Amino acid sequence: MEAIRQTVKVKNNTISIVLPDDFNAEFVDVIVLPSQDKEYSIPQWQIDEVRERTIEYFKNPSIALDFDDVLKDLENEL
């Protein structure tokens, strides 16, 4: 399933959503929620964590986990 998230301005109780050229669907579900923030900001601690993990990965790529293996491990724990 492909999801697209956009923040759009409401004008005269109307919105317009432009879909990418490669979006191929005859019907879509639309959920309208008031926007919480005009701009989403990522907390600094999370930015720092990702940067640290990226540096460690580049030093030693073998520490990366295979996504399918992680899913199997999680399923086995349930």
PDB file of N, CA and C in Angstrom:
ATOM      1  N   MET A   1       0.842  -1.168   0.000  1.00  0.00           N
ATOM      2  CA  MET A   1       0.000   0.000   0.000  1.00  0.00           C
ATOM      3  C   MET A   1       0.891   1.237   0.000  1.00  0.00           C
ATOM      4  N   GLU A   2       0.532   2.188  -0.792  1.00  0.00           N
ATOM      5  CA  GLU A   2       1.271   3.444  -0.869  1.00  0.00           C
ATOM      6  C   GLU A   2       0.478   4.516  -0.151  1.00  0.00           C
ATOM      7  N   ALA A   3       1.149   5.277   0.685  1.00  0.00           N
ATOM      8  CA  ALA A   3       0.497   6.372   1.402  1.00  0.00           C
ATOM      9  C   ALA A   3       1.205   7.667   1.065  1.00  0.00           C
ATOM     10  N   ILE A   4       0.434   8.698   0.920  1.00  0.00           N
ATOM     11  CA  ILE A   4       0.975  10.024   0.641  1.00  0.00           C
ATOM     12  C   ILE A   4       0.451  10.954   1.725  1.00  0.00           C
ATOM     13  N   ARG A   5       1.373  11.678   2.333  1.00  0.00           N
ATOM     14  CA  ARG A   5       0.963  12.640   3.352  1.00  0.00           C
ATOM     15  C   ARG A   5       1.316  14.031   2.866  1.00  0.00           C
ATOM     16  N   GLN A   6       0.359  14.911   2.900  1.00  0.00           N
ATOM     17  CA  GLN A   6       0.567  16.286   2.493  1.00  0.00           C
ATOM     18  C   GLN A   6      -0.117  17.203   3.488  1.00  0.00           C
ATOM     19  N   THR A   7       0.477  18.360   3.704  1.00  0.00           N
ATOM     20  CA  THR A   7      -0.208  19.402   4.446  1.00  0.00           C
ATOM     21  C   THR A   7      -0.628  20.433   3.410  1.00  0.00           C
ATOM     22  N   VAL A   8      -1.915  20.672   3.316  1.00  0.00           N
ATOM     23  CA  VAL A   8      -2.437  21.593   2.298  1.00  0.00           C
ATOM     24  C   VAL A   8      -3.236  22.699   2.965  1.00  0.00           C
ATOM     25  N   LYS A   9      -3.281  23.829   2.307  1.00  0.00           N
ATOM     26  CA  LYS A   9      -4.013  24.981   2.826  1.00  0.00           C
ATOM     27  C   LYS A   9      -5.475  24.873   2.415  1.00  0.00           C
ATOM     28  N   VAL A  10      -6.357  25.136   3.367  1.00  0.00           N
ATOM     29  CA  VAL A  10      -7.795  25.137   3.100  1.00  0.00           C
ATOM     30  C   VAL A  10      -8.173  26.525   2.598  1.00  0.00           C
ATOM     31  N   LYS A  11      -8.837  26.576   1.455  1.00  0.00           N
ATOM     32  CA  LYS A  11      -9.306  27.837   0.879  1.00  0.00           C
ATOM     33  C   LYS A  11     -10.791  27.706   0.573  1.00  0.00           C
ATOM     34  N   ASN A  12     -11.588  28.542   1.214  1.00  0.00           N
ATOM     35  CA  ASN A  12     -13.046  28.498   1.016  1.00  0.00           C
ATOM     36  C   ASN A  12     -13.617  27.106   1.255  1.00  0.00           C
ATOM     37  N   ASN A  13     -13.151  26.470   2.338  1.00  0.00           N
ATOM     38  CA  ASN A  13     -13.582  25.117   2.707  1.00  0.00           C
ATOM     39  C   ASN A  13     -13.296  24.077   1.625  1.00  0.00           C
ATOM     40  N   THR A  14     -12.240  24.315   0.845  1.00  0.00           N
ATOM     41  CA  THR A  14     -11.880  23.401  -0.240  1.00  0.00           C
ATOM     42  C   THR A  14     -10.380  23.114  -0.173  1.00  0.00           C
ATOM     43  N   ILE A  15     -10.018  21.869  -0.499  1.00  0.00           N
ATOM     44  CA  ILE A  15      -8.609  21.512  -0.622  1.00  0.00           C
ATOM     45  C   ILE A  15      -8.387  20.873  -1.983  1.00  0.00           C
ATOM     46  N   SER A  16      -7.150  20.946  -2.443  1.00  0.00           N
ATOM     47  CA  SER A  16      -6.767  20.308  -3.695  1.00  0.00           C
ATOM     48  C   SER A  16      -5.526  19.477  -3.431  1.00  0.00           C
ATOM     49  N   ILE A  17      -5.554  18.227  -3.839  1.00  0.00           N
ATOM     50  CA  ILE A  17      -4.426  17.325  -3.640  1.00  0.00           C
ATOM     51  C   ILE A  17      -3.944  16.863  -5.009  1.00  0.00           C
ATOM     52  N   VAL A  18      -2.683  17.122  -5.295  1.00  0.00           N
ATOM     53  CA  VAL A  18      -2.082  16.691  -6.560  1.00  0.00           C
ATOM     54  C   VAL A  18      -1.291  15.422  -6.284  1.00  0.00           C
ATOM     55  N   LEU A  19      -1.609  14.375  -7.001  1.00  0.00           N
ATOM     56  CA  LEU A  19      -0.954  13.078  -6.818  1.00  0.00           C
ATOM     57  C   LEU A  19       0.223  12.943  -7.782  1.00  0.00           C
ATOM     58  N   PRO A  20       1.253  12.180  -7.384  1.00  0.00           N
ATOM     59  CA  PRO A  20       2.393  11.963  -8.281  1.00  0.00           C
ATOM     60  C   PRO A  20       1.957  11.250  -9.557  1.00  0.00           C
ATOM     61  N   ASP A  21       2.700  11.474 -10.632  1.00  0.00           N
ATOM     62  CA  ASP A  21       2.361  10.856 -11.920  1.00  0.00           C
ATOM     63  C   ASP A  21       2.313   9.337 -11.847  1.00  0.00           C
ATOM     64  N   ASP A  22       3.150   8.727 -10.997  1.00  0.00           N
ATOM     65  CA  ASP A  22       3.199   7.263 -10.932  1.00  0.00           C
ATOM     66  C   ASP A  22       2.209   6.671  -9.929  1.00  0.00           C
ATOM     67  N   PHE A  23       1.343   7.491  -9.371  1.00  0.00           N
ATOM     68  CA  PHE A  23       0.325   6.989  -8.442  1.00  0.00           C
ATOM     69  C   PHE A  23      -0.833   6.451  -9.271  1.00  0.00           C
ATOM     70  N   ASN A  24      -1.032   5.139  -9.217  1.00  0.00           N
ATOM     71  CA  ASN A  24      -2.058   4.497 -10.039  1.00  0.00           C
ATOM     72  C   ASN A  24      -3.121   3.863  -9.161  1.00  0.00           C
ATOM     73  N   ALA A  25      -4.214   4.560  -8.979  1.00  0.00           N
ATOM     74  CA  ALA A  25      -5.334   4.009  -8.235  1.00  0.00           C
ATOM     75  C   ALA A  25      -6.605   4.649  -8.778  1.00  0.00           C
ATOM     76  N   GLU A  26      -7.615   3.848  -8.940  1.00  0.00           N
ATOM     77  CA  GLU A  26      -8.881   4.382  -9.441  1.00  0.00           C
ATOM     78  C   GLU A  26      -9.668   5.059  -8.328  1.00  0.00           C
ATOM     79  N   PHE A  27      -9.558   4.526  -7.101  1.00  0.00           N
ATOM     80  CA  PHE A  27     -10.236   5.092  -5.944  1.00  0.00           C
ATOM     81  C   PHE A  27      -9.229   5.269  -4.816  1.00  0.00           C
ATOM     82  N   VAL A  28      -9.434   6.261  -3.972  1.00  0.00           N
ATOM     83  CA  VAL A  28      -8.577   6.483  -2.815  1.00  0.00           C
ATOM     84  C   VAL A  28      -9.444   6.795  -1.608  1.00  0.00           C
ATOM     85  N   ASP A  29      -8.915   6.520  -0.427  1.00  0.00           N
ATOM     86  CA  ASP A  29      -9.564   6.930   0.819  1.00  0.00           C
ATOM     87  C   ASP A  29      -8.903   8.227   1.264  1.00  0.00           C
ATOM     88  N   VAL A  30      -9.704   9.175   1.664  1.00  0.00           N
ATOM     89  CA  VAL A  30      -9.179  10.458   2.111  1.00  0.00           C
ATOM     90  C   VAL A  30      -9.602  10.676   3.553  1.00  0.00           C
ATOM     91  N   ILE A  31      -8.638  10.961   4.405  1.00  0.00           N
ATOM     92  CA  ILE A  31      -8.902  11.285   5.803  1.00  0.00           C
ATOM     93  C   ILE A  31      -8.424  12.702   6.021  1.00  0.00           C
ATOM     94  N   VAL A  32      -9.291  13.554   6.525  1.00  0.00           N
ATOM     95  CA  VAL A  32      -8.925  14.951   6.733  1.00  0.00           C
ATOM     96  C   VAL A  32      -8.854  15.215   8.229  1.00  0.00           C
ATOM     97  N   LEU A  33      -7.673  15.645   8.688  1.00  0.00           N
ATOM     98  CA  LEU A  33      -7.450  15.977  10.090  1.00  0.00           C
ATOM     99  C   LEU A  33      -6.860  17.374  10.156  1.00  0.00           C
ATOM    100  N   PRO A  34      -7.188  18.130  11.182  1.00  0.00           N
ATOM    101  CA  PRO A  34      -6.519  19.423  11.320  1.00  0.00           C
ATOM    102  C   PRO A  34      -5.032  19.212  11.553  1.00  0.00           C
ATOM    103  N   SER A  35      -4.233  20.009  10.915  1.00  0.00           N
ATOM    104  CA  SER A  35      -2.785  19.891  11.057  1.00  0.00           C
ATOM    105  C   SER A  35      -2.370  20.349  12.444  1.00  0.00           C
ATOM    106  N   GLN A  36      -1.532  19.555  13.092  1.00  0.00           N
ATOM    107  CA  GLN A  36      -1.057  19.889  14.430  1.00  0.00           C
ATOM    108  C   GLN A  36       0.025  20.953  14.385  1.00  0.00           C
ATOM    109  N   ASP A  37       0.916  20.820  13.428  1.00  0.00           N
ATOM    110  CA  ASP A  37       2.024  21.751  13.281  1.00  0.00           C
ATOM    111  C   ASP A  37       2.118  22.151  11.823  1.00  0.00           C
ATOM    112  N   LYS A  38       2.458  23.387  11.603  1.00  0.00           N
ATOM    113  CA  LYS A  38       2.677  23.795  10.217  1.00  0.00           C
ATOM    114  C   LYS A  38       3.914  23.124   9.662  1.00  0.00           C
ATOM    115  N   GLU A  39       4.915  22.938  10.512  1.00  0.00           N
ATOM    116  CA  GLU A  39       6.121  22.235  10.116  1.00  0.00           C
ATOM    117  C   GLU A  39       6.423  21.172  11.145  1.00  0.00           C
ATOM    118  N   TYR A  40       6.726  19.982  10.670  1.00  0.00           N
ATOM    119  CA  TYR A  40       7.087  18.909  11.580  1.00  0.00           C
ATOM    120  C   TYR A  40       8.562  19.031  11.900  1.00  0.00           C
ATOM    121  N   SER A  41       8.901  18.957  13.155  1.00  0.00           N
ATOM    122  CA  SER A  41      10.313  19.026  13.514  1.00  0.00           C
ATOM    123  C   SER A  41      10.724  17.729  14.209  1.00  0.00           C
ATOM    124  N   ILE A  42      11.886  17.262  13.837  1.00  0.00           N
ATOM    125  CA  ILE A  42      12.425  16.041  14.423  1.00  0.00           C
ATOM    126  C   ILE A  42      13.219  16.438  15.664  1.00  0.00           C
ATOM    127  N   PRO A  43      12.962  15.784  16.791  1.00  0.00           N
ATOM    128  CA  PRO A  43      13.691  16.132  18.018  1.00  0.00           C
ATOM    129  C   PRO A  43      15.204  15.943  17.839  1.00  0.00           C
ATOM    130  N   GLN A  44      15.969  16.804  18.461  1.00  0.00           N
ATOM    131  CA  GLN A  44      17.423  16.756  18.314  1.00  0.00           C
ATOM    132  C   GLN A  44      18.004  15.424  18.778  1.00  0.00           C
ATOM    133  N   TRP A  45      17.440  14.827  19.849  1.00  0.00           N
ATOM    134  CA  TRP A  45      17.963  13.561  20.334  1.00  0.00           C
ATOM    135  C   TRP A  45      17.847  12.481  19.262  1.00  0.00           C
ATOM    136  N   GLN A  46      16.759  12.554  18.449  1.00  0.00           N
ATOM    137  CA  GLN A  46      16.557  11.545  17.423  1.00  0.00           C
ATOM    138  C   GLN A  46      17.540  11.758  16.264  1.00  0.00           C
ATOM    139  N   ILE A  47      17.777  12.996  15.904  1.00  0.00           N
ATOM    140  CA  ILE A  47      18.765  13.312  14.872  1.00  0.00           C
ATOM    141  C   ILE A  47      20.134  12.798  15.303  1.00  0.00           C
ATOM    142  N   ASP A  48      20.500  13.079  16.564  1.00  0.00           N
ATOM    143  CA  ASP A  48      21.794  12.636  17.088  1.00  0.00           C
ATOM    144  C   ASP A  48      21.911  11.116  17.064  1.00  0.00           C
ATOM    145  N   GLU A  49      20.844  10.436  17.436  1.00  0.00           N
ATOM    146  CA  GLU A  49      20.859   8.964  17.466  1.00  0.00           C
ATOM    147  C   GLU A  49      21.061   8.385  16.071  1.00  0.00           C
ATOM    148  N   VAL A  50      20.361   8.925  15.097  1.00  0.00           N
ATOM    149  CA  VAL A  50      20.498   8.432  13.724  1.00  0.00           C
ATOM    150  C   VAL A  50      21.903   8.694  13.190  1.00  0.00           C
ATOM    151  N   ARG A  51      22.429   9.866  13.478  1.00  0.00           N
ATOM    152  CA  ARG A  51      23.800  10.185  13.033  1.00  0.00           C
ATOM    153  C   ARG A  51      24.808   9.223  13.660  1.00  0.00           C
ATOM    154  N   GLU A  52      24.649   8.961  14.951  1.00  0.00           N
ATOM    155  CA  GLU A  52      25.559   8.046  15.637  1.00  0.00           C
ATOM    156  C   GLU A  52      25.478   6.642  15.048  1.00  0.00           C
ATOM    157  N   ARG A  53      24.271   6.175  14.807  1.00  0.00           N
ATOM    158  CA  ARG A  53      24.101   4.841  14.230  1.00  0.00           C
ATOM    159  C   ARG A  53      24.675   4.768  12.814  1.00  0.00           C
ATOM    160  N   THR A  54      24.508   5.846  12.058  1.00  0.00           N
ATOM    161  CA  THR A  54      25.043   5.879  10.695  1.00  0.00           C
ATOM    162  C   THR A  54      26.564   5.814  10.713  1.00  0.00           C
ATOM    163  N   ILE A  55      27.188   6.573  11.592  1.00  0.00           N
ATOM    164  CA  ILE A  55      28.652   6.549  11.712  1.00  0.00           C
ATOM    165  C   ILE A  55      29.131   5.148  12.066  1.00  0.00           C
ATOM    166  N   GLU A  56      28.451   4.505  13.031  1.00  0.00           N
ATOM    167  CA  GLU A  56      28.836   3.149  13.432  1.00  0.00           C
ATOM    168  C   GLU A  56      28.654   2.159  12.291  1.00  0.00           C
ATOM    169  N   TYR A  57      27.576   2.328  11.521  1.00  0.00           N
ATOM    170  CA  TYR A  57      27.338   1.428  10.385  1.00  0.00           C
ATOM    171  C   TYR A  57      28.453   1.560   9.349  1.00  0.00           C
ATOM    172  N   PHE A  58      28.838   2.801   9.025  1.00  0.00           N
ATOM    173  CA  PHE A  58      29.893   2.998   8.027  1.00  0.00           C
ATOM    174  C   PHE A  58      31.231   2.458   8.504  1.00  0.00           C
ATOM    175  N   LYS A  59      31.460   2.463   9.808  1.00  0.00           N
ATOM    176  CA  LYS A  59      32.687   1.879  10.339  1.00  0.00           C
ATOM    177  C   LYS A  59      32.663   0.359  10.214  1.00  0.00           C
ATOM    178  N   ASN A  60      31.473  -0.230  10.383  1.00  0.00           N
ATOM    179  CA  ASN A  60      31.351  -1.682  10.394  1.00  0.00           C
ATOM    180  C   ASN A  60      29.980  -2.096   9.841  1.00  0.00           C
ATOM    181  N   PRO A  61      29.837  -2.187   8.509  1.00  0.00           N
ATOM    182  CA  PRO A  61      28.538  -2.520   7.903  1.00  0.00           C
ATOM    183  C   PRO A  61      27.979  -3.881   8.315  1.00  0.00           C
ATOM    184  N   SER A  62      28.805  -4.747   8.835  1.00  0.00           N
ATOM    185  CA  SER A  62      28.317  -6.077   9.216  1.00  0.00           C
ATOM    186  C   SER A  62      27.408  -6.027  10.438  1.00  0.00           C
ATOM    187  N   ILE A  63      27.329  -4.890  11.124  1.00  0.00           N
ATOM    188  CA  ILE A  63      26.448  -4.792  12.298  1.00  0.00           C
ATOM    189  C   ILE A  63      24.981  -4.617  11.906  1.00  0.00           C
ATOM    190  N   ALA A  64      24.746  -4.361  10.617  1.00  0.00           N
ATOM    191  CA  ALA A  64      23.368  -4.161  10.159  1.00  0.00           C
ATOM    192  C   ALA A  64      22.573  -5.456  10.294  1.00  0.00           C
ATOM    193  N   LEU A  65      21.318  -5.309  10.660  1.00  0.00           N
ATOM    194  CA  LEU A  65      20.436  -6.462  10.794  1.00  0.00           C
ATOM    195  C   LEU A  65      19.587  -6.603   9.544  1.00  0.00           C
ATOM    196  N   ASP A  66      19.350  -7.823   9.117  1.00  0.00           N
ATOM    197  CA  ASP A  66      18.474  -8.088   7.992  1.00  0.00           C
ATOM    198  C   ASP A  66      17.028  -7.928   8.448  1.00  0.00           C
ATOM    199  N   PHE A  67      16.258  -7.151   7.716  1.00  0.00           N
ATOM    200  CA  PHE A  67      14.881  -6.849   8.106  1.00  0.00           C
ATOM    201  C   PHE A  67      14.047  -8.122   8.264  1.00  0.00           C
ATOM    202  N   ASP A  68      14.153  -9.038   7.318  1.00  0.00           N
ATOM    203  CA  ASP A  68      13.376 -10.284   7.391  1.00  0.00           C
ATOM    204  C   ASP A  68      13.750 -11.107   8.619  1.00  0.00           C
ATOM    205  N   ASP A  69      15.036 -11.128   8.960  1.00  0.00           N
ATOM    206  CA  ASP A  69      15.471 -11.863  10.154  1.00  0.00           C
ATOM    207  C   ASP A  69      14.906 -11.229  11.428  1.00  0.00           C
ATOM    208  N   VAL A  70      14.883  -9.910  11.458  1.00  0.00           N
ATOM    209  CA  VAL A  70      14.324  -9.217  12.625  1.00  0.00           C
ATOM    210  C   VAL A  70      12.838  -9.543  12.767  1.00  0.00           C
ATOM    211  N   LEU A  71      12.114  -9.536  11.660  1.00  0.00           N
ATOM    212  CA  LEU A  71      10.682  -9.872  11.705  1.00  0.00           C
ATOM    213  C   LEU A  71      10.472 -11.295  12.210  1.00  0.00           C
ATOM    214  N   LYS A  72      11.294 -12.231  11.738  1.00  0.00           N
ATOM    215  CA  LYS A  72      11.174 -13.614  12.193  1.00  0.00           C
ATOM    216  C   LYS A  72      11.425 -13.717  13.677  1.00  0.00           C
ATOM    217  N   ASP A  73      12.447 -13.021  14.165  1.00  0.00           N
ATOM    218  CA  ASP A  73      12.752 -13.025  15.598  1.00  0.00           C
ATOM    219  C   ASP A  73      11.584 -12.466  16.400  1.00  0.00           C
ATOM    220  N   LEU A  74      10.995 -11.392  15.918  1.00  0.00           N
ATOM    221  CA  LEU A  74       9.856 -10.796  16.620  1.00  0.00           C
ATOM    222  C   LEU A  74       8.659 -11.746  16.643  1.00  0.00           C
ATOM    223  N   GLU A  75       8.413 -12.405  15.516  1.00  0.00           N
ATOM    224  CA  GLU A  75       7.299 -13.346  15.443  1.00  0.00           C
ATOM    225  C   GLU A  75       7.528 -14.522  16.387  1.00  0.00           C
ATOM    226  N   ASN A  76       8.759 -14.966  16.507  1.00  0.00           N
ATOM    227  CA  ASN A  76       9.077 -16.080  17.409  1.00  0.00           C
ATOM    228  C   ASN A  76       8.895 -15.716  18.870  1.00  0.00           C
ATOM    229  N   GLU A  77       9.062 -14.429  19.177  1.00  0.00           N
ATOM    230  CA  GLU A  77       8.898 -13.974  20.566  1.00  0.00           C
ATOM    231  C   GLU A  77       7.439 -13.854  20.966  1.00  0.00           C
ATOM    232  N   LEU A  78       6.547 -13.759  19.989  1.00  0.00           N
ATOM    233  CA  LEU A  78       5.121 -13.591  20.308  1.00  0.00           C
ATOM    234  C   LEU A  78       4.461 -14.866  20.748  1.00  0.00           C
TER     235      LEU A  78
END
